[in-house]
PDB file of N, CA and C in Angstrom:
ATOM      1  N   MET A   1      14.497  -7.162   7.704  1.00  0.00           N
ATOM      2  CA  MET A   1      14.560  -6.574   6.392  1.00  0.00           C
ATOM      3  C   MET A   1      15.459  -7.402   5.522  1.00  0.00           C
ATOM      4  N   ARG A   2      15.099  -7.509   4.260  1.00  0.00           N
ATOM      5  CA  ARG A   2      15.701  -8.512   3.039  1.00  0.00           C
ATOM      6  C   ARG A   2      17.184  -8.209   2.830  1.00  0.00           C
ATOM      7  N   THR A   3      17.879  -9.132   2.765  1.00  0.00           N
ATOM      8  CA  THR A   3      19.279  -8.764   2.739  1.00  0.00           C
ATOM      9  C   THR A   3      19.567  -9.105   1.103  1.00  0.00           C
ATOM     10  N   THR A   4      18.771  -9.518   0.347  1.00  0.00           N
ATOM     11  CA  THR A   4      19.224  -9.978  -1.270  1.00  0.00           C
ATOM     12  C   THR A   4      19.190  -8.489  -1.944  1.00  0.00           C
ATOM     13  N   ALA A   5      19.688  -8.674  -3.300  1.00  0.00           N
ATOM     14  CA  ALA A   5      19.729  -7.630  -4.091  1.00  0.00           C
ATOM     15  C   ALA A   5      18.349  -7.097  -4.276  1.00  0.00           C
ATOM     16  N   LYS A   6      18.070  -5.772  -4.751  1.00  0.00           N
ATOM     17  CA  LYS A   6      16.908  -5.482  -5.026  1.00  0.00           C
ATOM     18  C   LYS A   6      16.638  -5.587  -6.641  1.00  0.00           C
ATOM     19  N   THR A   7      16.049  -6.799  -6.947  1.00  0.00           N
ATOM     20  CA  THR A   7      15.660  -7.277  -7.911  1.00  0.00           C
ATOM     21  C   THR A   7      14.149  -7.668  -8.405  1.00  0.00           C
ATOM     22  N   GLU A   8      13.473  -7.983  -7.072  1.00  0.00           N
ATOM     23  CA  GLU A   8      12.092  -8.581  -6.936  1.00  0.00           C
ATOM     24  C   GLU A   8      10.987  -7.502  -7.094  1.00  0.00           C
ATOM     25  N   ARG A   9       9.577  -7.786  -7.272  1.00  0.00           N
ATOM     26  CA  ARG A   9       8.580  -7.084  -7.066  1.00  0.00           C
ATOM     27  C   ARG A   9       7.628  -7.315  -6.073  1.00  0.00           C
ATOM     28  N   ALA A  10       7.180  -6.286  -5.294  1.00  0.00           N
ATOM     29  CA  ALA A  10       6.207  -6.581  -4.249  1.00  0.00           C
ATOM     30  C   ALA A  10       5.039  -5.663  -4.434  1.00  0.00           C
ATOM     31  N   ILE A  11       3.913  -6.034  -4.110  1.00  0.00           N
ATOM     32  CA  ILE A  11       2.739  -5.433  -3.576  1.00  0.00           C
ATOM     33  C   ILE A  11       2.593  -5.120  -2.398  1.00  0.00           C
ATOM     34  N   LEU A  12       2.285  -4.002  -1.767  1.00  0.00           N
ATOM     35  CA  LEU A  12       2.010  -3.676  -0.355  1.00  0.00           C
ATOM     36  C   LEU A  12       0.877  -2.880  -0.287  1.00  0.00           C
ATOM     37  N   ILE A  13      -0.270  -3.545   0.286  1.00  0.00           N
ATOM     38  CA  ILE A  13      -1.509  -3.078   0.664  1.00  0.00           C
ATOM     39  C   ILE A  13      -1.607  -2.449   1.996  1.00  0.00           C
ATOM     40  N   LEU A  14      -2.106  -1.261   1.910  1.00  0.00           N
ATOM     41  CA  LEU A  14      -2.434  -0.460   3.284  1.00  0.00           C
ATOM     42  C   LEU A  14      -3.575  -0.597   3.666  1.00  0.00           C
ATOM     43  N   GLY A  15      -3.963  -0.421   4.939  1.00  0.00           N
ATOM     44  CA  GLY A  15      -5.047  -0.431   5.895  1.00  0.00           C
ATOM     45  C   GLY A  15      -5.254   1.028   5.766  1.00  0.00           C
ATOM     46  N   ALA A  16      -6.088   1.324   6.919  1.00  0.00           N
ATOM     47  CA  ALA A  16      -6.701   2.534   7.465  1.00  0.00           C
ATOM     48  C   ALA A  16      -5.734   3.733   7.976  1.00  0.00           C
ATOM     49  N   THR A  17      -4.259   2.704   8.432  1.00  0.00           N
ATOM     50  CA  THR A  17      -3.510   3.896   8.914  1.00  0.00           C
ATOM     51  C   THR A  17      -2.104   3.466   8.099  1.00  0.00           C
ATOM     52  N   ASP A  18      -1.132   4.646   8.614  1.00  0.00           N
ATOM     53  CA  ASP A  18       0.020   4.492   7.903  1.00  0.00           C
ATOM     54  C   ASP A  18       0.851   3.100   8.347  1.00  0.00           C
ATOM     55  N   PRO A  19       1.760   2.330   7.388  1.00  0.00           N
ATOM     56  CA  PRO A  19       2.175   1.161   7.951  1.00  0.00           C
ATOM     57  C   PRO A  19       3.582   1.393   8.772  1.00  0.00           C
ATOM     58  N   SER A  20       3.481   0.237   9.736  1.00  0.00           N
ATOM     59  CA  SER A  20       4.677   0.375  10.589  1.00  0.00           C
ATOM     60  C   SER A  20       5.864   0.216  10.060  1.00  0.00           C
ATOM     61  N   GLY A  21       6.999   0.796  10.790  1.00  0.00           N
ATOM     62  CA  GLY A  21       8.315   0.810  10.294  1.00  0.00           C
ATOM     63  C   GLY A  21       8.876  -0.284   9.682  1.00  0.00           C
ATOM     64  N   ALA A  22       8.601  -1.758  10.396  1.00  0.00           N
ATOM     65  CA  ALA A  22       8.766  -3.003  10.016  1.00  0.00           C
ATOM     66  C   ALA A  22       8.277  -3.118   8.530  1.00  0.00           C
ATOM     67  N   ALA A  23       6.951  -2.715   8.279  1.00  0.00           N
ATOM     68  CA  ALA A  23       6.345  -3.110   6.976  1.00  0.00           C
ATOM     69  C   ALA A  23       7.097  -2.198   5.914  1.00  0.00           C
ATOM     70  N   LEU A  24       7.422  -1.087   6.338  1.00  0.00           N
ATOM     71  CA  LEU A  24       8.222  -0.354   5.364  1.00  0.00           C
ATOM     72  C   LEU A  24       9.349  -0.737   5.152  1.00  0.00           C
ATOM     73  N   ALA A  25       9.941  -1.122   5.973  1.00  0.00           N
ATOM     74  CA  ALA A  25      11.677  -1.777   5.962  1.00  0.00           C
ATOM     75  C   ALA A  25      11.358  -2.938   4.921  1.00  0.00           C
ATOM     76  N   GLU A  26      10.631  -3.854   5.034  1.00  0.00           N
ATOM     77  CA  GLU A  26      10.525  -4.882   4.357  1.00  0.00           C
ATOM     78  C   GLU A  26      10.106  -4.774   2.912  1.00  0.00           C
ATOM     79  N   ALA A  27       9.362  -3.634   2.756  1.00  0.00           N
ATOM     80  CA  ALA A  27       8.921  -3.153   1.278  1.00  0.00           C
ATOM     81  C   ALA A  27      10.123  -2.584   0.728  1.00  0.00           C
ATOM     82  N   GLU A  28      11.179  -1.867   1.369  1.00  0.00           N
ATOM     83  CA  GLU A  28      12.352  -1.385   0.872  1.00  0.00           C
ATOM     84  C   GLU A  28      13.098  -1.864   0.251  1.00  0.00           C
ATOM     85  N   GLY A  29      13.032  -3.626   0.573  1.00  0.00           N
ATOM     86  CA  GLY A  29      13.838  -4.460   0.073  1.00  0.00           C
ATOM     87  C   GLY A  29      13.727  -4.958  -1.365  1.00  0.00           C
ATOM     88  N   TYR A  30      12.529  -4.351  -1.937  1.00  0.00           N
ATOM     89  CA  TYR A  30      12.263  -4.975  -3.326  1.00  0.00           C
ATOM     90  C   TYR A  30      12.618  -3.869  -4.287  1.00  0.00           C
ATOM     91  N   ALA A  31      12.835  -3.969  -5.362  1.00  0.00           N
ATOM     92  CA  ALA A  31      13.379  -3.184  -6.359  1.00  0.00           C
ATOM     93  C   ALA A  31      12.020  -2.263  -7.083  1.00  0.00           C
ATOM     94  N   GLU A  32      10.911  -3.042  -6.997  1.00  0.00           N
ATOM     95  CA  GLU A  32       9.616  -2.435  -7.588  1.00  0.00           C
ATOM     96  C   GLU A  32       8.568  -2.644  -6.620  1.00  0.00           C
ATOM     97  N   VAL A  33       7.594  -1.740  -6.093  1.00  0.00           N
ATOM     98  CA  VAL A  33       6.717  -1.879  -5.179  1.00  0.00           C
ATOM     99  C   VAL A  33       5.402  -1.233  -5.788  1.00  0.00           C
ATOM    100  N   PHE A  34       4.286  -2.003  -5.572  1.00  0.00           N
ATOM    101  CA  PHE A  34       3.228  -1.411  -6.184  1.00  0.00           C
ATOM    102  C   PHE A  34       2.415  -1.181  -4.828  1.00  0.00           C
ATOM    103  N   VAL A  35       1.840  -0.047  -4.602  1.00  0.00           N
ATOM    104  CA  VAL A  35       1.121   0.090  -3.335  1.00  0.00           C
ATOM    105  C   VAL A  35      -0.377   0.295  -3.504  1.00  0.00           C
ATOM    106  N   LEU A  36      -1.028  -0.258  -2.593  1.00  0.00           N
ATOM    107  CA  LEU A  36      -2.599  -0.029  -2.978  1.00  0.00           C
ATOM    108  C   LEU A  36      -3.047   0.525  -1.573  1.00  0.00           C
ATOM    109  N   ALA A  37      -3.472   1.527  -1.613  1.00  0.00           N
ATOM    110  CA  ALA A  37      -3.860   2.067  -0.359  1.00  0.00           C
ATOM    111  C   ALA A  37      -5.625   1.991  -0.278  1.00  0.00           C
ATOM    112  N   ARG A  38      -5.732   1.125   0.553  1.00  0.00           N
ATOM    113  CA  ARG A  38      -7.559   0.968   0.556  1.00  0.00           C
ATOM    114  C   ARG A  38      -7.959   2.204   1.205  1.00  0.00           C
ATOM    115  N   ALA A  39      -9.078   2.626   0.462  1.00  0.00           N
ATOM    116  CA  ALA A  39      -9.988   3.701   1.109  1.00  0.00           C
ATOM    117  C   ALA A  39     -11.067   3.086   2.219  1.00  0.00           C
ATOM    118  N   VAL A  40     -10.571   3.139   3.486  1.00  0.00           N
ATOM    119  CA  VAL A  40     -11.117   2.761   4.451  1.00  0.00           C
ATOM    120  C   VAL A  40     -11.937   3.835   5.358  1.00  0.00           C
ATOM    121  N   PRO A  41     -13.060   3.515   5.442  1.00  0.00           N
ATOM    122  CA  PRO A  41     -14.009   5.045   6.192  1.00  0.00           C
ATOM    123  C   PRO A  41     -13.299   5.023   7.459  1.00  0.00           C
ATOM    124  N   ASP A  42     -13.199   6.473   7.831  1.00  0.00           N
ATOM    125  CA  ASP A  42     -12.905   6.780   9.009  1.00  0.00           C
ATOM    126  C   ASP A  42     -13.613   6.173  10.474  1.00  0.00           C
ATOM    127  N   SER A  43     -13.073   5.794  11.241  1.00  0.00           N
ATOM    128  CA  SER A  43     -13.332   5.189  12.187  1.00  0.00           C
ATOM    129  C   SER A  43     -14.137   6.227  13.310  1.00  0.00           C
ATOM    130  N   GLU A  44     -14.117   7.536  13.456  1.00  0.00           N
ATOM    131  CA  GLU A  44     -14.553   8.415  13.829  1.00  0.00           C
ATOM    132  C   GLU A  44     -15.963   8.714  13.445  1.00  0.00           C
ATOM    133  N   SER A  45     -16.294   8.348  12.267  1.00  0.00           N
ATOM    134  CA  SER A  45     -17.685   8.616  11.791  1.00  0.00           C
ATOM    135  C   SER A  45     -18.309   7.328  12.047  1.00  0.00           C
ATOM    136  N   ARG A  46     -18.996   7.605  12.975  1.00  0.00           N
ATOM    137  CA  ARG A  46     -19.967   6.240  13.447  1.00  0.00           C
ATOM    138  C   ARG A  46     -21.173   5.889  12.658  1.00  0.00           C
ATOM    139  N   TYR A  47     -21.697   6.830  12.171  1.00  0.00           N
ATOM    140  CA  TYR A  47     -22.875   6.533  11.402  1.00  0.00           C
ATOM    141  C   TYR A  47     -23.081   7.040  10.067  1.00  0.00           C
ATOM    142  N   LEU A  48     -21.976   7.599   9.473  1.00  0.00           N
ATOM    143  CA  LEU A  48     -22.079   7.961   8.014  1.00  0.00           C
ATOM    144  C   LEU A  48     -20.699   7.478   7.340  1.00  0.00           C
ATOM    145  N   ILE A  49     -20.797   6.869   6.455  1.00  0.00           N
ATOM    146  CA  ILE A  49     -19.643   6.596   5.728  1.00  0.00           C
ATOM    147  C   ILE A  49     -19.227   7.789   4.666  1.00  0.00           C
ATOM    148  N   ASP A  50     -18.135   8.477   4.929  1.00  0.00           N
ATOM    149  CA  ASP A  50     -17.838   9.521   4.133  1.00  0.00           C
ATOM    150  C   ASP A  50     -16.645   9.236   2.980  1.00  0.00           C
ATOM    151  N   ALA A  51     -17.232   8.679   1.876  1.00  0.00           N
ATOM    152  CA  ALA A  51     -16.530   8.199   0.889  1.00  0.00           C
ATOM    153  C   ALA A  51     -15.181   8.925   0.561  1.00  0.00           C
ATOM    154  N   GLY A  52     -15.528  10.431   0.427  1.00  0.00           N
ATOM    155  CA  GLY A  52     -14.599  11.471  -0.017  1.00  0.00           C
ATOM    156  C   GLY A  52     -13.647  11.406   0.778  1.00  0.00           C
ATOM    157  N   ARG A  53     -13.657  11.633   2.257  1.00  0.00           N
ATOM    158  CA  ARG A  53     -12.827  11.549   3.300  1.00  0.00           C
ATOM    159  C   ARG A  53     -11.944  10.267   3.328  1.00  0.00           C
ATOM    160  N   ALA A  54     -12.458   9.136   3.158  1.00  0.00           N
ATOM    161  CA  ALA A  54     -11.857   7.837   2.916  1.00  0.00           C
ATOM    162  C   ALA A  54     -10.707   7.787   1.708  1.00  0.00           C
ATOM    163  N   GLU A  55     -11.455   8.459   0.805  1.00  0.00           N
ATOM    164  CA  GLU A  55     -10.278   8.768  -0.571  1.00  0.00           C
ATOM    165  C   GLU A  55      -9.401   9.666  -0.207  1.00  0.00           C
ATOM    166  N   THR A  56      -9.569  10.699   0.371  1.00  0.00           N
ATOM    167  CA  THR A  56      -8.297  11.790   0.613  1.00  0.00           C
ATOM    168  C   THR A  56      -7.498  11.122   1.305  1.00  0.00           C
ATOM    169  N   ASN A  57      -7.918  10.439   2.328  1.00  0.00           N
ATOM    170  CA  ASN A  57      -7.028   9.817   3.702  1.00  0.00           C
ATOM    171  C   ASN A  57      -6.186   8.965   2.878  1.00  0.00           C
ATOM    172  N   ALA A  58      -6.671   7.958   2.039  1.00  0.00           N
ATOM    173  CA  ALA A  58      -6.128   7.094   1.275  1.00  0.00           C
ATOM    174  C   ALA A  58      -4.922   7.515   0.274  1.00  0.00           C
ATOM    175  N   GLN A  59      -5.368   8.802  -0.264  1.00  0.00           N
ATOM    176  CA  GLN A  59      -4.571   9.363  -1.207  1.00  0.00           C
ATOM    177  C   GLN A  59      -3.219   9.743  -0.531  1.00  0.00           C
ATOM    178  N   ARG A  60      -3.448  10.540   0.717  1.00  0.00           N
ATOM    179  CA  ARG A  60      -2.404  10.687   1.636  1.00  0.00           C
ATOM    180  C   ARG A  60      -1.354   9.770   1.988  1.00  0.00           C
ATOM    181  N   ARG A  61      -2.071   8.571   2.543  1.00  0.00           N
ATOM    182  CA  ARG A  61      -1.250   7.452   2.748  1.00  0.00           C
ATOM    183  C   ARG A  61      -0.325   6.988   1.685  1.00  0.00           C
ATOM    184  N   LEU A  62      -0.976   6.947   0.579  1.00  0.00           N
ATOM    185  CA  LEU A  62      -0.387   6.268  -0.878  1.00  0.00           C
ATOM    186  C   LEU A  62       0.840   7.432  -1.090  1.00  0.00           C
ATOM    187  N   ARG A  63       0.720   8.424  -0.864  1.00  0.00           N
ATOM    188  CA  ARG A  63       1.494   9.540  -1.509  1.00  0.00           C
ATOM    189  C   ARG A  63       2.815   9.501  -0.478  1.00  0.00           C
ATOM    190  N   ARG A  64       2.512   9.453   0.947  1.00  0.00           N
ATOM    191  CA  ARG A  64       3.677   9.232   2.036  1.00  0.00           C
ATOM    192  C   ARG A  64       4.362   7.836   1.771  1.00  0.00           C
ATOM    193  N   VAL A  65       3.947   6.582   1.467  1.00  0.00           N
ATOM    194  CA  VAL A  65       4.678   5.638   1.402  1.00  0.00           C
ATOM    195  C   VAL A  65       5.485   5.630   0.227  1.00  0.00           C
ATOM    196  N   THR A  66       4.791   6.118  -1.135  1.00  0.00           N
ATOM    197  CA  THR A  66       5.527   5.898  -2.316  1.00  0.00           C
ATOM    198  C   THR A  66       6.713   6.762  -2.362  1.00  0.00           C
ATOM    199  N   THR A  67       6.612   8.085  -1.984  1.00  0.00           N
ATOM    200  CA  THR A  67       7.678   9.129  -1.428  1.00  0.00           C
ATOM    201  C   THR A  67       8.784   8.238  -0.633  1.00  0.00           C
ATOM    202  N   HIS A  68       8.275   7.722   0.441  1.00  0.00           N
ATOM    203  CA  HIS A  68       9.355   7.139   1.121  1.00  0.00           C
ATOM    204  C   HIS A  68      10.156   5.998   0.597  1.00  0.00           C
ATOM    205  N   LEU A  69       9.328   4.936   0.022  1.00  0.00           N
ATOM    206  CA  LEU A  69      10.045   4.070  -0.839  1.00  0.00           C
ATOM    207  C   LEU A  69      10.751   4.781  -1.988  1.00  0.00           C
ATOM    208  N   ARG A  70      10.456   5.662  -2.537  1.00  0.00           N
ATOM    209  CA  ARG A  70      11.351   6.038  -3.748  1.00  0.00           C
ATOM    210  C   ARG A  70      12.537   6.539  -3.362  1.00  0.00           C
ATOM    211  N   ALA A  71      12.487   7.254  -1.891  1.00  0.00           N
ATOM    212  CA  ALA A  71      13.473   7.802  -1.381  1.00  0.00           C
ATOM    213  C   ALA A  71      14.696   6.807  -1.186  1.00  0.00           C
ATOM    214  N   ARG A  72      14.152   5.562  -1.050  1.00  0.00           N
ATOM    215  CA  ARG A  72      14.858   4.682  -0.370  1.00  0.00           C
ATOM    216  C   ARG A  72      15.461   3.547  -1.681  1.00  0.00           C
ATOM    217  N   GLY A  73      15.296   4.124  -2.760  1.00  0.00           N
ATOM    218  CA  GLY A  73      15.663   3.404  -3.912  1.00  0.00           C
ATOM    219  C   GLY A  73      14.702   2.677  -4.744  1.00  0.00           C
ATOM    220  N   SER A  74      13.634   2.349  -4.111  1.00  0.00           N
ATOM    221  CA  SER A  74      12.617   1.394  -4.876  1.00  0.00           C
ATOM    222  C   SER A  74      11.801   2.298  -5.769  1.00  0.00           C
ATOM    223  N   GLN A  75      11.398   1.649  -7.072  1.00  0.00           N
ATOM    224  CA  GLN A  75      10.519   2.194  -7.950  1.00  0.00           C
ATOM    225  C   GLN A  75       9.065   1.869  -7.427  1.00  0.00           C
ATOM    226  N   ALA A  76       8.691   2.890  -6.884  1.00  0.00           N
ATOM    227  CA  ALA A  76       7.205   2.747  -6.350  1.00  0.00           C
ATOM    228  C   ALA A  76       6.347   3.515  -7.191  1.00  0.00           C
ATOM    229  N   SER A  77       4.913   3.045  -7.166  1.00  0.00           N
ATOM    230  CA  SER A  77       3.783   3.374  -7.676  1.00  0.00           C
ATOM    231  C   SER A  77       2.594   2.889  -7.140  1.00  0.00           C
ATOM    232  N   GLY A  78       1.553   3.290  -7.334  1.00  0.00           N
ATOM    233  CA  GLY A  78       0.274   2.767  -6.690  1.00  0.00           C
ATOM    234  C   GLY A  78      -1.087   3.711  -6.936  1.00  0.00           C
ATOM    235  N   LEU A  79      -2.138   3.215  -6.135  1.00  0.00           N
ATOM    236  CA  LEU A  79      -3.395   3.945  -6.274  1.00  0.00           C
ATOM    237  C   LEU A  79      -4.222   3.531  -5.155  1.00  0.00           C
ATOM    238  N   VAL A  80      -5.244   4.236  -5.032  1.00  0.00           N
ATOM    239  CA  VAL A  80      -6.291   4.029  -3.970  1.00  0.00           C
ATOM    240  C   VAL A  80      -7.364   3.084  -4.583  1.00  0.00           C
ATOM    241  N   GLY A  81      -7.462   2.024  -3.460  1.00  0.00           N
ATOM    242  CA  GLY A  81      -8.169   0.934  -4.015  1.00  0.00           C
ATOM    243  C   GLY A  81      -9.322   0.628  -3.012  1.00  0.00           C
ATOM    244  N   ASP A  82     -10.182  -0.250  -3.221  1.00  0.00           N
ATOM    245  CA  ASP A  82     -11.164  -1.067  -2.498  1.00  0.00           C
ATOM    246  C   ASP A  82     -11.127  -1.048  -1.084  1.00  0.00           C
ATOM    247  N   ARG A  83     -12.201  -0.627  -0.293  1.00  0.00           N
ATOM    248  CA  ARG A  83     -12.204  -0.798   1.011  1.00  0.00           C
ATOM    249  C   ARG A  83     -11.968  -2.015   1.615  1.00  0.00           C
ATOM    250  N   ASP A  84     -12.429  -3.121   0.856  1.00  0.00           N
ATOM    251  CA  ASP A  84     -12.574  -4.456   1.066  1.00  0.00           C
ATOM    252  C   ASP A  84     -11.207  -5.033   0.757  1.00  0.00           C
ATOM    253  N   PRO A  85     -10.838  -5.776   2.157  1.00  0.00           N
ATOM    254  CA  PRO A  85      -9.220  -6.395   1.722  1.00  0.00           C
ATOM    255  C   PRO A  85      -9.227  -7.187   0.925  1.00  0.00           C
ATOM    256  N   GLN A  86     -10.086  -8.130   0.543  1.00  0.00           N
ATOM    257  CA  GLN A  86      -9.984  -9.331  -0.600  1.00  0.00           C
ATOM    258  C   GLN A  86     -10.325  -8.630  -1.998  1.00  0.00           C
ATOM    259  N   ALA A  87     -11.074  -7.492  -2.044  1.00  0.00           N
ATOM    260  CA  ALA A  87     -11.046  -7.090  -3.461  1.00  0.00           C
ATOM    261  C   ALA A  87      -9.979  -6.321  -3.538  1.00  0.00           C
ATOM    262  N   ALA A  88      -9.111  -5.532  -2.518  1.00  0.00           N
ATOM    263  CA  ALA A  88      -7.912  -4.850  -3.010  1.00  0.00           C
ATOM    264  C   ALA A  88      -7.002  -5.601  -3.332  1.00  0.00           C
ATOM    265  N   ARG A  89      -7.028  -6.922  -2.854  1.00  0.00           N
ATOM    266  CA  ARG A  89      -5.754  -8.015  -3.305  1.00  0.00           C
ATOM    267  C   ARG A  89      -5.977  -8.444  -4.453  1.00  0.00           C
ATOM    268  N   ARG A  90      -7.218  -8.682  -4.885  1.00  0.00           N
ATOM    269  CA  ARG A  90      -7.309  -8.990  -6.378  1.00  0.00           C
ATOM    270  C   ARG A  90      -7.177  -7.980  -7.310  1.00  0.00           C
ATOM    271  N   ASP A  91      -7.612  -6.763  -7.000  1.00  0.00           N
ATOM    272  CA  ASP A  91      -7.339  -5.575  -7.768  1.00  0.00           C
ATOM    273  C   ASP A  91      -6.021  -5.270  -7.903  1.00  0.00           C
ATOM    274  N   ALA A  92      -5.206  -5.370  -7.133  1.00  0.00           N
ATOM    275  CA  ALA A  92      -3.658  -5.324  -6.812  1.00  0.00           C
ATOM    276  C   ALA A  92      -2.782  -6.210  -7.688  1.00  0.00           C
ATOM    277  N   ILE A  93      -3.248  -7.369  -7.560  1.00  0.00           N
ATOM    278  CA  ILE A  93      -2.454  -8.704  -8.366  1.00  0.00           C
ATOM    279  C   ILE A  93      -3.163  -8.315  -9.892  1.00  0.00           C
ATOM    280  N   ALA A  94      -4.235  -7.874 -10.149  1.00  0.00           N
ATOM    281  CA  ALA A  94      -4.816  -7.702 -11.574  1.00  0.00           C
ATOM    282  C   ALA A  94      -3.988  -6.643 -12.287  1.00  0.00           C
ATOM    283  N   LEU A  95      -3.608  -5.674 -11.470  1.00  0.00           N
ATOM    284  CA  LEU A  95      -2.672  -4.618 -11.894  1.00  0.00           C
ATOM    285  C   LEU A  95      -1.517  -4.565 -11.932  1.00  0.00           C
ATOM    286  N   PHE A  96      -0.815  -5.286 -11.213  1.00  0.00           N
ATOM    287  CA  PHE A  96       0.718  -5.620 -10.944  1.00  0.00           C
ATOM    288  C   PHE A  96       0.984  -6.964 -10.875  1.00  0.00           C
ATOM    289  N   PRO A  97       0.741  -7.903 -11.921  1.00  0.00           N
ATOM    290  CA  PRO A  97       1.049  -9.333 -11.839  1.00  0.00           C
ATOM    291  C   PRO A  97       2.226  -9.931 -11.644  1.00  0.00           C
ATOM    292  N   LYS A  98       2.418 -10.973 -11.087  1.00  0.00           N
ATOM    293  CA  LYS A  98       3.471 -11.720 -11.069  1.00  0.00           C
ATOM    294  C   LYS A  98       4.467 -11.036  -9.727  1.00  0.00           C
ATOM    295  N   PRO A  99       3.726 -10.407  -8.503  1.00  0.00           N
ATOM    296  CA  PRO A  99       4.737 -10.070  -7.554  1.00  0.00           C
ATOM    297  C   PRO A  99       5.611 -11.253  -7.100  1.00  0.00           C
ATOM    298  N   SER A 100       6.702 -10.790  -6.292  1.00  0.00           N
ATOM    299  CA  SER A 100       7.354 -11.753  -5.584  1.00  0.00           C
ATOM    300  C   SER A 100       6.706 -12.314  -4.396  1.00  0.00           C
ATOM    301  N   VAL A 101       5.984 -11.145  -3.781  1.00  0.00           N
ATOM    302  CA  VAL A 101       5.425 -11.411  -2.440  1.00  0.00           C
ATOM    303  C   VAL A 101       4.286 -10.136  -2.260  1.00  0.00           C
ATOM    304  N   LEU A 102       3.231 -10.455  -1.740  1.00  0.00           N
ATOM    305  CA  LEU A 102       2.085  -9.477  -1.163  1.00  0.00           C
ATOM    306  C   LEU A 102       2.263  -9.221  -0.068  1.00  0.00           C
ATOM    307  N   LEU A 103       2.299  -7.936   0.510  1.00  0.00           N
ATOM    308  CA  LEU A 103       2.818  -7.449   1.765  1.00  0.00           C
ATOM    309  C   LEU A 103       1.204  -6.673   2.300  1.00  0.00           C
ATOM    310  N   GLU A 104       0.998  -6.907   3.515  1.00  0.00           N
ATOM    311  CA  GLU A 104      -0.105  -6.182   3.881  1.00  0.00           C
ATOM    312  C   GLU A 104       0.212  -5.431   5.221  1.00  0.00           C
ATOM    313  N   ALA A 105      -0.462  -4.227   5.261  1.00  0.00           N
ATOM    314  CA  ALA A 105      -0.344  -3.306   6.396  1.00  0.00           C
ATOM    315  C   ALA A 105      -1.557  -2.961   7.133  1.00  0.00           C
ATOM    316  N   ALA A 106      -1.779  -3.268   8.320  1.00  0.00           N
ATOM    317  CA  ALA A 106      -2.926  -3.183   8.668  1.00  0.00           C
ATOM    318  C   ALA A 106      -3.234  -1.597   8.726  1.00  0.00           C
TER     319      ALA A 106
END
């Protein structure tokens, strides 16, 4: 966990599951955090990509994480993004320029 004063900005990119406690603890150290929850298809769906389900699950992850970060004193905002990790990184940086760090949670 960071020990410096909360003055920096971070991007936290979420994968298909909630971030680990360690990833959340690291993000808590930043004054402002932009969270991008990737709309990753459900692994239980073997033959059909259910985009609606992926979007809904990503919205839930986004809400849980931003609520957690706000409760710990960070300004947290975000949105649901592309399922592709590289596209998600590009989008997050375009929407939240000049972060101090880019954190990724599988």
